[in-house]
PDB file of N, CA and C in Angstrom:
ATOM      1  N   UNK A   1     -16.697   6.827 -22.172  1.00  0.00           N
ATOM      2  CA  UNK A   1     -15.474   7.555 -21.865  1.00  0.00           C
ATOM      3  C   UNK A   1     -15.579   8.990 -22.389  1.00  0.00           C
ATOM      4  N   UNK A   2     -16.140   9.131 -23.576  1.00  0.00           N
ATOM      5  CA  UNK A   2     -16.242  10.463 -24.173  1.00  0.00           C
ATOM      6  C   UNK A   2     -17.214  11.359 -23.421  1.00  0.00           C
ATOM      7  N   UNK A   3     -18.128  10.741 -22.687  1.00  0.00           N
ATOM      8  CA  UNK A   3     -19.113  11.538 -21.950  1.00  0.00           C
ATOM      9  C   UNK A   3     -18.564  12.069 -20.625  1.00  0.00           C
ATOM     10  N   UNK A   4     -17.381  11.617 -20.228  1.00  0.00           N
ATOM     11  CA  UNK A   4     -16.789  12.054 -18.961  1.00  0.00           C
ATOM     12  C   UNK A   4     -16.052  13.377 -19.146  1.00  0.00           C
ATOM     13  N   UNK A   5     -16.142  14.225 -18.147  1.00  0.00           N
ATOM     14  CA  UNK A   5     -15.495  15.539 -18.189  1.00  0.00           C
ATOM     15  C   UNK A   5     -14.140  15.470 -17.481  1.00  0.00           C
ATOM     16  N   UNK A   6     -13.082  15.548 -18.274  1.00  0.00           N
ATOM     17  CA  UNK A   6     -11.723  15.493 -17.734  1.00  0.00           C
ATOM     18  C   UNK A   6     -11.048  16.862 -17.743  1.00  0.00           C
ATOM     19  N   UNK A   7     -11.828  17.932 -17.849  1.00  0.00           N
ATOM     20  CA  UNK A   7     -11.253  19.267 -17.971  1.00  0.00           C
ATOM     21  C   UNK A   7     -10.418  19.684 -16.757  1.00  0.00           C
ATOM     22  N   UNK A   8     -10.686  19.093 -15.593  1.00  0.00           N
ATOM     23  CA  UNK A   8      -9.916  19.432 -14.396  1.00  0.00           C
ATOM     24  C   UNK A   8      -8.663  18.577 -14.229  1.00  0.00           C
ATOM     25  N   UNK A   9      -8.390  17.708 -15.196  1.00  0.00           N
ATOM     26  CA  UNK A   9      -7.254  16.801 -15.101  1.00  0.00           C
ATOM     27  C   UNK A   9      -6.202  17.142 -16.136  1.00  0.00           C
ATOM     28  N   UNK A  10      -4.966  16.806 -15.809  1.00  0.00           N
ATOM     29  CA  UNK A  10      -3.859  16.973 -16.743  1.00  0.00           C
ATOM     30  C   UNK A  10      -3.779  15.728 -17.606  1.00  0.00           C
ATOM     31  N   UNK A  11      -3.803  15.900 -18.920  1.00  0.00           N
ATOM     32  CA  UNK A  11      -3.664  14.771 -19.831  1.00  0.00           C
ATOM     33  C   UNK A  11      -2.185  14.556 -20.111  1.00  0.00           C
ATOM     34  N   UNK A  12      -1.784  13.318 -20.071  1.00  0.00           N
ATOM     35  CA  UNK A  12      -0.364  12.984 -20.236  1.00  0.00           C
ATOM     36  C   UNK A  12      -0.199  12.027 -21.396  1.00  0.00           C
ATOM     37  N   UNK A  13       0.618  12.392 -22.357  1.00  0.00           N
ATOM     38  CA  UNK A  13       0.925  11.537 -23.500  1.00  0.00           C
ATOM     39  C   UNK A  13       2.160  10.715 -23.136  1.00  0.00           C
ATOM     40  N   UNK A  14       1.946   9.473 -22.707  1.00  0.00           N
ATOM     41  CA  UNK A  14       3.055   8.673 -22.191  1.00  0.00           C
ATOM     42  C   UNK A  14       3.939   8.102 -23.288  1.00  0.00           C
ATOM     43  N   UNK A  15       3.489   8.168 -24.524  1.00  0.00           N
ATOM     44  CA  UNK A  15       4.331   7.706 -25.632  1.00  0.00           C
ATOM     45  C   UNK A  15       5.523   8.636 -25.815  1.00  0.00           C
ATOM     46  N   UNK A  16       5.275   9.934 -25.706  1.00  0.00           N
ATOM     47  CA  UNK A  16       6.350  10.907 -25.906  1.00  0.00           C
ATOM     48  C   UNK A  16       7.008  11.343 -24.595  1.00  0.00           C
ATOM     49  N   UNK A  17       6.315  11.174 -23.477  1.00  0.00           N
ATOM     50  CA  UNK A  17       6.855  11.546 -22.169  1.00  0.00           C
ATOM     51  C   UNK A  17       6.676  10.351 -21.236  1.00  0.00           C
ATOM     52  N   UNK A  18       7.693   9.518 -21.179  1.00  0.00           N
ATOM     53  CA  UNK A  18       7.621   8.246 -20.456  1.00  0.00           C
ATOM     54  C   UNK A  18       7.307   8.413 -18.968  1.00  0.00           C
ATOM     55  N   UNK A  19       6.678   7.395 -18.433  1.00  0.00           N
ATOM     56  CA  UNK A  19       6.383   7.329 -17.004  1.00  0.00           C
ATOM     57  C   UNK A  19       7.705   7.136 -16.253  1.00  0.00           C
ATOM     58  N   UNK A  20       7.910   7.893 -15.204  1.00  0.00           N
ATOM     59  CA  UNK A  20       9.128   7.742 -14.401  1.00  0.00           C
ATOM     60  C   UNK A  20       8.914   6.633 -13.373  1.00  0.00           C
ATOM     61  N   UNK A  21      10.004   6.054 -12.863  1.00  0.00           N
ATOM     62  CA  UNK A  21       9.866   5.047 -11.812  1.00  0.00           C
ATOM     63  C   UNK A  21       9.110   5.582 -10.592  1.00  0.00           C
ATOM     64  N   UNK A  22       9.312   6.848 -10.264  1.00  0.00           N
ATOM     65  CA  UNK A  22       8.626   7.447  -9.118  1.00  0.00           C
ATOM     66  C   UNK A  22       7.112   7.549  -9.368  1.00  0.00           C
ATOM     67  N   UNK A  23       6.743   7.939 -10.579  1.00  0.00           N
ATOM     68  CA  UNK A  23       5.322   8.023 -10.927  1.00  0.00           C
ATOM     69  C   UNK A  23       4.673   6.640 -10.889  1.00  0.00           C
ATOM     70  N   UNK A  24       5.386   5.651 -11.412  1.00  0.00           N
ATOM     71  CA  UNK A  24       4.859   4.293 -11.404  1.00  0.00           C
ATOM     72  C   UNK A  24       4.721   3.778  -9.973  1.00  0.00           C
ATOM     73  N   UNK A  25       5.686   4.094  -9.128  1.00  0.00           N
ATOM     74  CA  UNK A  25       5.601   3.685  -7.715  1.00  0.00           C
ATOM     75  C   UNK A  25       4.390   4.312  -7.034  1.00  0.00           C
ATOM     76  N   UNK A  26       4.087   5.571  -7.362  1.00  0.00           N
ATOM     77  CA  UNK A  26       2.905   6.230  -6.789  1.00  0.00           C
ATOM     78  C   UNK A  26       1.637   5.512  -7.241  1.00  0.00           C
ATOM     79  N   UNK A  27       1.569   5.182  -8.537  1.00  0.00           N
ATOM     80  CA  UNK A  27       0.409   4.461  -9.061  1.00  0.00           C
ATOM     81  C   UNK A  27       0.273   3.096  -8.397  1.00  0.00           C
ATOM     82  N   UNK A  28       1.407   2.452  -8.172  1.00  0.00           N
ATOM     83  CA  UNK A  28       1.395   1.140  -7.514  1.00  0.00           C
ATOM     84  C   UNK A  28       0.877   1.258  -6.085  1.00  0.00           C
ATOM     85  N   UNK A  29       1.302   2.293  -5.376  1.00  0.00           N
ATOM     86  CA  UNK A  29       0.856   2.454  -3.996  1.00  0.00           C
ATOM     87  C   UNK A  29      -0.649   2.707  -3.929  1.00  0.00           C
ATOM     88  N   UNK A  30      -1.209   3.370  -4.936  1.00  0.00           N
ATOM     89  CA  UNK A  30      -2.647   3.622  -4.979  1.00  0.00           C
ATOM     90  C   UNK A  30      -3.442   2.395  -5.434  1.00  0.00           C
ATOM     91  N   UNK A  31      -2.861   1.621  -6.346  1.00  0.00           N
ATOM     92  CA  UNK A  31      -3.580   0.478  -6.912  1.00  0.00           C
ATOM     93  C   UNK A  31      -3.352  -0.819  -6.146  1.00  0.00           C
ATOM     94  N   UNK A  32      -2.243  -0.888  -5.415  1.00  0.00           N
ATOM     95  CA  UNK A  32      -1.946  -2.090  -4.647  1.00  0.00           C
ATOM     96  C   UNK A  32      -0.932  -3.023  -5.277  1.00  0.00           C
ATOM     97  N   UNK A  33      -0.722  -2.896  -6.592  1.00  0.00           N
ATOM     98  CA  UNK A  33       0.259  -3.774  -7.243  1.00  0.00           C
ATOM     99  C   UNK A  33       0.616  -3.229  -8.621  1.00  0.00           C
ATOM    100  N   UNK A  34       1.766  -3.659  -9.116  1.00  0.00           N
ATOM    101  CA  UNK A  34       2.145  -3.341 -10.491  1.00  0.00           C
ATOM    102  C   UNK A  34       1.285  -4.159 -11.451  1.00  0.00           C
ATOM    103  N   UNK A  35       0.907  -5.345 -11.035  1.00  0.00           N
ATOM    104  CA  UNK A  35       0.081  -6.204 -11.880  1.00  0.00           C
ATOM    105  C   UNK A  35      -1.245  -5.523 -12.239  1.00  0.00           C
ATOM    106  N   UNK A  36      -1.829  -4.785 -11.293  1.00  0.00           N
ATOM    107  CA  UNK A  36      -3.091  -4.073 -11.547  1.00  0.00           C
ATOM    108  C   UNK A  36      -2.927  -3.015 -12.637  1.00  0.00           C
ATOM    109  N   UNK A  37      -1.722  -2.544 -12.846  1.00  0.00           N
ATOM    110  CA  UNK A  37      -1.431  -1.511 -13.840  1.00  0.00           C
ATOM    111  C   UNK A  37      -0.990  -2.088 -15.182  1.00  0.00           C
ATOM    112  N   UNK A  38      -0.773  -3.385 -15.222  1.00  0.00           N
ATOM    113  CA  UNK A  38      -0.181  -4.058 -16.380  1.00  0.00           C
ATOM    114  C   UNK A  38      -1.250  -4.459 -17.391  1.00  0.00           C
ATOM    115  N   UNK A  39      -1.008  -4.140 -18.652  1.00  0.00           N
ATOM    116  CA  UNK A  39      -1.950  -4.481 -19.715  1.00  0.00           C
ATOM    117  C   UNK A  39      -1.547  -5.770 -20.410  1.00  0.00           C
ATOM    118  N   UNK A  40      -2.428  -6.749 -20.324  1.00  0.00           N
ATOM    119  CA  UNK A  40      -2.209  -8.002 -21.047  1.00  0.00           C
ATOM    120  C   UNK A  40      -2.694  -7.892 -22.494  1.00  0.00           C
ATOM    121  N   UNK A  41      -3.205  -6.734 -22.869  1.00  0.00           N
ATOM    122  CA  UNK A  41      -3.655  -6.495 -24.245  1.00  0.00           C
ATOM    123  C   UNK A  41      -2.544  -5.922 -25.113  1.00  0.00           C
ATOM    124  N   UNK A  42      -1.415  -5.599 -24.491  1.00  0.00           N
ATOM    125  CA  UNK A  42      -0.286  -5.047 -25.250  1.00  0.00           C
ATOM    126  C   UNK A  42       0.178  -6.075 -26.284  1.00  0.00           C
ATOM    127  N   UNK A  43       0.472  -5.598 -27.467  1.00  0.00           N
ATOM    128  CA  UNK A  43       0.914  -6.474 -28.558  1.00  0.00           C
ATOM    129  C   UNK A  43       2.147  -7.292 -28.150  1.00  0.00           C
ATOM    130  N   UNK A  44       3.057  -6.646 -27.458  1.00  0.00           N
ATOM    131  CA  UNK A  44       4.299  -7.324 -27.058  1.00  0.00           C
ATOM    132  C   UNK A  44       4.062  -8.421 -26.022  1.00  0.00           C
ATOM    133  N   UNK A  45       2.959  -8.355 -25.302  1.00  0.00           N
ATOM    134  CA  UNK A  45       2.640  -9.383 -24.303  1.00  0.00           C
ATOM    135  C   UNK A  45       2.586 -10.745 -24.984  1.00  0.00           C
ATOM    136  N   UNK A  46       1.921 -10.803 -26.107  1.00  0.00           N
ATOM    137  CA  UNK A  46       1.817 -12.054 -26.853  1.00  0.00           C
ATOM    138  C   UNK A  46       3.122 -12.353 -27.592  1.00  0.00           C
ATOM    139  N   UNK A  47       3.697 -11.314 -28.214  1.00  0.00           N
ATOM    140  CA  UNK A  47       4.935 -11.495 -28.987  1.00  0.00           C
ATOM    141  C   UNK A  47       6.066 -12.056 -28.142  1.00  0.00           C
ATOM    142  N   UNK A  48       6.185 -11.598 -26.895  1.00  0.00           N
ATOM    143  CA  UNK A  48       7.260 -12.041 -26.013  1.00  0.00           C
ATOM    144  C   UNK A  48       6.924 -13.338 -25.272  1.00  0.00           C
ATOM    145  N   UNK A  49       5.738 -13.849 -25.503  1.00  0.00           N
ATOM    146  CA  UNK A  49       5.332 -15.092 -24.845  1.00  0.00           C
ATOM    147  C   UNK A  49       5.108 -14.935 -23.351  1.00  0.00           C
ATOM    148  N   UNK A  50       4.752 -13.735 -22.917  1.00  0.00           N
ATOM    149  CA  UNK A  50       4.603 -13.478 -21.483  1.00  0.00           C
ATOM    150  C   UNK A  50       3.409 -14.210 -20.892  1.00  0.00           C
ATOM    151  N   UNK A  51       2.416 -14.530 -21.735  1.00  0.00           N
ATOM    152  CA  UNK A  51       1.241 -15.225 -21.217  1.00  0.00           C
ATOM    153  C   UNK A  51       1.592 -16.635 -20.732  1.00  0.00           C
ATOM    154  N   UNK A  52       2.713 -17.148 -21.186  1.00  0.00           N
ATOM    155  CA  UNK A  52       3.143 -18.483 -20.787  1.00  0.00           C
ATOM    156  C   UNK A  52       4.148 -18.462 -19.646  1.00  0.00           C
ATOM    157  N   UNK A  53       4.389 -17.267 -19.086  1.00  0.00           N
ATOM    158  CA  UNK A  53       5.361 -17.125 -18.004  1.00  0.00           C
ATOM    159  C   UNK A  53       4.655 -16.691 -16.727  1.00  0.00           C
ATOM    160  N   UNK A  54       5.292 -16.992 -15.613  1.00  0.00           N
ATOM    161  CA  UNK A  54       4.811 -16.496 -14.330  1.00  0.00           C
ATOM    162  C   UNK A  54       5.608 -15.238 -14.013  1.00  0.00           C
ATOM    163  N   UNK A  55       4.913 -14.108 -14.045  1.00  0.00           N
ATOM    164  CA  UNK A  55       5.584 -12.825 -13.843  1.00  0.00           C
ATOM    165  C   UNK A  55       5.503 -12.403 -12.381  1.00  0.00           C
ATOM    166  N   UNK A  56       6.566 -11.761 -11.924  1.00  0.00           N
ATOM    167  CA  UNK A  56       6.617 -11.222 -10.566  1.00  0.00           C
ATOM    168  C   UNK A  56       6.256  -9.741 -10.607  1.00  0.00           C
ATOM    169  N   UNK A  57       6.068  -9.151  -9.445  1.00  0.00           N
ATOM    170  CA  UNK A  57       5.814  -7.711  -9.369  1.00  0.00           C
ATOM    171  C   UNK A  57       6.965  -6.935 -10.014  1.00  0.00           C
ATOM    172  N   UNK A  58       8.191  -7.393  -9.790  1.00  0.00           N
ATOM    173  CA  UNK A  58       9.350  -6.726 -10.393  1.00  0.00           C
ATOM    174  C   UNK A  58       9.296  -6.823 -11.917  1.00  0.00           C
ATOM    175  N   UNK A  59       8.837  -7.967 -12.437  1.00  0.00           N
ATOM    176  CA  UNK A  59       8.688  -8.111 -13.890  1.00  0.00           C
ATOM    177  C   UNK A  59       7.665  -7.119 -14.429  1.00  0.00           C
ATOM    178  N   UNK A  60       6.495  -7.057 -13.775  1.00  0.00           N
ATOM    179  CA  UNK A  60       5.466  -6.111 -14.215  1.00  0.00           C
ATOM    180  C   UNK A  60       6.010  -4.690 -14.222  1.00  0.00           C
ATOM    181  N   UNK A  61       6.699  -4.321 -13.153  1.00  0.00           N
ATOM    182  CA  UNK A  61       7.283  -2.987 -13.048  1.00  0.00           C
ATOM    183  C   UNK A  61       8.252  -2.730 -14.201  1.00  0.00           C
ATOM    184  N   UNK A  62       9.159  -3.656 -14.437  1.00  0.00           N
ATOM    185  CA  UNK A  62      10.166  -3.475 -15.483  1.00  0.00           C
ATOM    186  C   UNK A  62       9.549  -3.390 -16.875  1.00  0.00           C
ATOM    187  N   UNK A  63       8.558  -4.224 -17.150  1.00  0.00           N
ATOM    188  CA  UNK A  63       7.905  -4.173 -18.466  1.00  0.00           C
ATOM    189  C   UNK A  63       7.185  -2.842 -18.674  1.00  0.00           C
ATOM    190  N   UNK A  64       6.475  -2.367 -17.662  1.00  0.00           N
ATOM    191  CA  UNK A  64       5.772  -1.089 -17.796  1.00  0.00           C
ATOM    192  C   UNK A  64       6.761   0.048 -18.028  1.00  0.00           C
ATOM    193  N   UNK A  65       7.876   0.032 -17.319  1.00  0.00           N
ATOM    194  CA  UNK A  65       8.871   1.094 -17.491  1.00  0.00           C
ATOM    195  C   UNK A  65       9.604   0.992 -18.828  1.00  0.00           C
ATOM    196  N   UNK A  66       9.698  -0.213 -19.367  1.00  0.00           N
ATOM    197  CA  UNK A  66      10.443  -0.397 -20.617  1.00  0.00           C
ATOM    198  C   UNK A  66       9.618  -0.068 -21.857  1.00  0.00           C
ATOM    199  N   UNK A  67       8.290  -0.174 -21.765  1.00  0.00           N
ATOM    200  CA  UNK A  67       7.446   0.063 -22.932  1.00  0.00           C
ATOM    201  C   UNK A  67       6.077   0.559 -22.473  1.00  0.00           C
ATOM    202  N   UNK A  68       5.722   1.741 -22.915  1.00  0.00           N
ATOM    203  CA  UNK A  68       4.481   2.381 -22.463  1.00  0.00           C
ATOM    204  C   UNK A  68       3.236   1.536 -22.760  1.00  0.00           C
ATOM    205  N   UNK A  69       3.300   0.658 -23.757  1.00  0.00           N
ATOM    206  CA  UNK A  69       2.112  -0.127 -24.109  1.00  0.00           C
ATOM    207  C   UNK A  69       1.739  -1.135 -23.029  1.00  0.00           C
ATOM    208  N   UNK A  70       2.653  -1.419 -22.113  1.00  0.00           N
ATOM    209  CA  UNK A  70       2.350  -2.344 -21.026  1.00  0.00           C
ATOM    210  C   UNK A  70       1.558  -1.685 -19.895  1.00  0.00           C
ATOM    211  N   UNK A  71       1.392  -0.377 -19.930  1.00  0.00           N
ATOM    212  CA  UNK A  71       0.585   0.301 -18.914  1.00  0.00           C
ATOM    213  C   UNK A  71      -0.873   0.282 -19.348  1.00  0.00           C
ATOM    214  N   UNK A  72      -1.709  -0.288 -18.508  1.00  0.00           N
ATOM    215  CA  UNK A  72      -3.147  -0.313 -18.791  1.00  0.00           C
ATOM    216  C   UNK A  72      -3.645   1.125 -18.791  1.00  0.00           C
ATOM    217  N   UNK A  73      -4.435   1.474 -19.808  1.00  0.00           N
ATOM    218  CA  UNK A  73      -4.898   2.847 -19.939  1.00  0.00           C
ATOM    219  C   UNK A  73      -6.403   2.885 -20.128  1.00  0.00           C
ATOM    220  N   UNK A  74      -7.002   3.991 -19.766  1.00  0.00           N
ATOM    221  CA  UNK A  74      -6.422   5.166 -19.134  1.00  0.00           C
ATOM    222  C   UNK A  74      -6.175   4.942 -17.643  1.00  0.00           C
ATOM    223  N   UNK A  75      -5.309   5.767 -17.098  1.00  0.00           N
ATOM    224  CA  UNK A  75      -5.103   5.830 -15.652  1.00  0.00           C
ATOM    225  C   UNK A  75      -5.534   7.227 -15.231  1.00  0.00           C
ATOM    226  N   UNK A  76      -6.498   7.278 -14.330  1.00  0.00           N
ATOM    227  CA  UNK A  76      -6.970   8.562 -13.814  1.00  0.00           C
ATOM    228  C   UNK A  76      -6.686   8.573 -12.321  1.00  0.00           C
ATOM    229  N   UNK A  77      -5.924   9.575 -11.884  1.00  0.00           N
ATOM    230  CA  UNK A  77      -5.608   9.737 -10.466  1.00  0.00           C
ATOM    231  C   UNK A  77      -6.253  11.027  -9.986  1.00  0.00           C
ATOM    232  N   UNK A  78      -7.042  10.891  -8.941  1.00  0.00           N
ATOM    233  CA  UNK A  78      -7.701  12.047  -8.334  1.00  0.00           C
ATOM    234  C   UNK A  78      -7.477  11.948  -6.832  1.00  0.00           C
ATOM    235  N   UNK A  79      -6.478  12.677  -6.350  1.00  0.00           N
ATOM    236  CA  UNK A  79      -6.126  12.592  -4.932  1.00  0.00           C
ATOM    237  C   UNK A  79      -5.613  11.208  -4.595  1.00  0.00           C
ATOM    238  N   UNK A  80      -6.323  10.509  -3.708  1.00  0.00           N
ATOM    239  CA  UNK A  80      -5.900   9.159  -3.318  1.00  0.00           C
ATOM    240  C   UNK A  80      -6.700   8.085  -4.052  1.00  0.00           C
ATOM    241  N   UNK A  81      -7.464   8.486  -5.057  1.00  0.00           N
ATOM    242  CA  UNK A  81      -8.250   7.550  -5.862  1.00  0.00           C
ATOM    243  C   UNK A  81      -7.546   7.298  -7.189  1.00  0.00           C
ATOM    244  N   UNK A  82      -7.546   6.020  -7.618  1.00  0.00           N
ATOM    245  CA  UNK A  82      -6.987   5.690  -8.926  1.00  0.00           C
ATOM    246  C   UNK A  82      -7.994   4.817  -9.665  1.00  0.00           C
ATOM    247  N   UNK A  83      -8.125   5.088 -10.955  1.00  0.00           N
ATOM    248  CA  UNK A  83      -9.009   4.333 -11.830  1.00  0.00           C
ATOM    249  C   UNK A  83      -8.163   3.874 -13.009  1.00  0.00           C
ATOM    250  N   UNK A  84      -8.146   2.559 -13.248  1.00  0.00           N
ATOM    251  CA  UNK A  84      -7.224   1.990 -14.222  1.00  0.00           C
ATOM    252  C   UNK A  84      -7.992   1.195 -15.273  1.00  0.00           C
ATOM    253  N   UNK A  85      -7.762   1.530 -16.527  1.00  0.00           N
ATOM    254  CA  UNK A  85      -8.317   0.745 -17.620  1.00  0.00           C
ATOM    255  C   UNK A  85      -9.661   1.220 -18.103  1.00  0.00           C
ATOM    256  N   UNK A  86     -10.096   0.616 -19.208  1.00  0.00           N
ATOM    257  CA  UNK A  86     -11.340   1.041 -19.829  1.00  0.00           C
ATOM    258  C   UNK A  86     -12.448   0.001 -19.730  1.00  0.00           C
ATOM    259  N   UNK A  87     -12.338  -0.895 -18.754  1.00  0.00           N
ATOM    260  CA  UNK A  87     -13.410  -1.856 -18.537  1.00  0.00           C
ATOM    261  C   UNK A  87     -14.663  -1.120 -18.074  1.00  0.00           C
ATOM    262  N   UNK A  88     -15.815  -1.645 -18.436  1.00  0.00           N
ATOM    263  CA  UNK A  88     -17.090  -0.990 -18.163  1.00  0.00           C
ATOM    264  C   UNK A  88     -17.250  -0.625 -16.691  1.00  0.00           C
ATOM    265  N   UNK A  89     -16.965  -1.556 -15.775  1.00  0.00           N
ATOM    266  CA  UNK A  89     -17.129  -1.317 -14.334  1.00  0.00           C
ATOM    267  C   UNK A  89     -16.228  -0.166 -13.872  1.00  0.00           C
ATOM    268  N   UNK A  90     -15.000  -0.141 -14.335  1.00  0.00           N
ATOM    269  CA  UNK A  90     -14.075   0.926 -13.961  1.00  0.00           C
ATOM    270  C   UNK A  90     -14.584   2.284 -14.445  1.00  0.00           C
ATOM    271  N   UNK A  91     -15.071   2.341 -15.676  1.00  0.00           N
ATOM    272  CA  UNK A  91     -15.570   3.606 -16.214  1.00  0.00           C
ATOM    273  C   UNK A  91     -16.826   4.063 -15.483  1.00  0.00           C
ATOM    274  N   UNK A  92     -17.675   3.115 -15.078  1.00  0.00           N
ATOM    275  CA  UNK A  92     -18.857   3.462 -14.288  1.00  0.00           C
ATOM    276  C   UNK A  92     -18.452   4.039 -12.930  1.00  0.00           C
ATOM    277  N   UNK A  93     -17.458   3.394 -12.280  1.00  0.00           N
ATOM    278  CA  UNK A  93     -16.953   3.904 -10.992  1.00  0.00           C
ATOM    279  C   UNK A  93     -16.347   5.290 -11.149  1.00  0.00           C
ATOM    280  N   UNK A  94     -15.612   5.485 -12.228  1.00  0.00           N
ATOM    281  CA  UNK A  94     -14.996   6.783 -12.501  1.00  0.00           C
ATOM    282  C   UNK A  94     -16.078   7.845 -12.715  1.00  0.00           C
ATOM    283  N   UNK A  95     -17.109   7.514 -13.472  1.00  0.00           N
ATOM    284  CA  UNK A  95     -18.197   8.468 -13.724  1.00  0.00           C
ATOM    285  C   UNK A  95     -18.878   8.855 -12.424  1.00  0.00           C
ATOM    286  N   UNK A  96     -19.129   7.881 -11.557  1.00  0.00           N
ATOM    287  CA  UNK A  96     -19.731   8.179 -10.254  1.00  0.00           C
ATOM    288  C   UNK A  96     -18.833   9.093  -9.443  1.00  0.00           C
ATOM    289  N   UNK A  97     -17.546   8.800  -9.444  1.00  0.00           N
ATOM    290  CA  UNK A  97     -16.574   9.617  -8.693  1.00  0.00           C
ATOM    291  C   UNK A  97     -16.552  11.046  -9.219  1.00  0.00           C
ATOM    292  N   UNK A  98     -16.534  11.208 -10.525  1.00  0.00           N
ATOM    293  CA  UNK A  98     -16.454  12.543 -11.113  1.00  0.00           C
ATOM    294  C   UNK A  98     -17.725  13.341 -10.905  1.00  0.00           C
ATOM    295  N   UNK A  99     -18.854  12.669 -10.779  1.00  0.00           N
ATOM    296  CA  UNK A  99     -20.131  13.358 -10.587  1.00  0.00           C
ATOM    297  C   UNK A  99     -20.414  13.705  -9.137  1.00  0.00           C
ATOM    298  N   UNK A 100     -19.580  13.255  -8.223  1.00  0.00           N
ATOM    299  CA  UNK A 100     -19.765  13.578  -6.788  1.00  0.00           C
ATOM    300  C   UNK A 100     -18.945  14.765  -6.381  1.00  0.00           C
TER     301      UNK A 100
END
């Protein structure tokens, strides 16, 4: 991640400047679902017992809007491309995209 050049991108601190419903809807339209944007690594995911529940798209949306930790990070949007999370495959795809 540190080897990637993000100088052409705007960095957003979502802890202090929350994601708006419109921004989340844009991310959803690029990713295909709110679930794709949802982090199961968030501390509250376990605390609230969400792993034992069947969540709907509306649930994912509401949780992400209610607490920034539910948004899988990083999210990189470049035009109509979105890259979500720090999994190895995603970072490799992002690196390829940035180098083209």
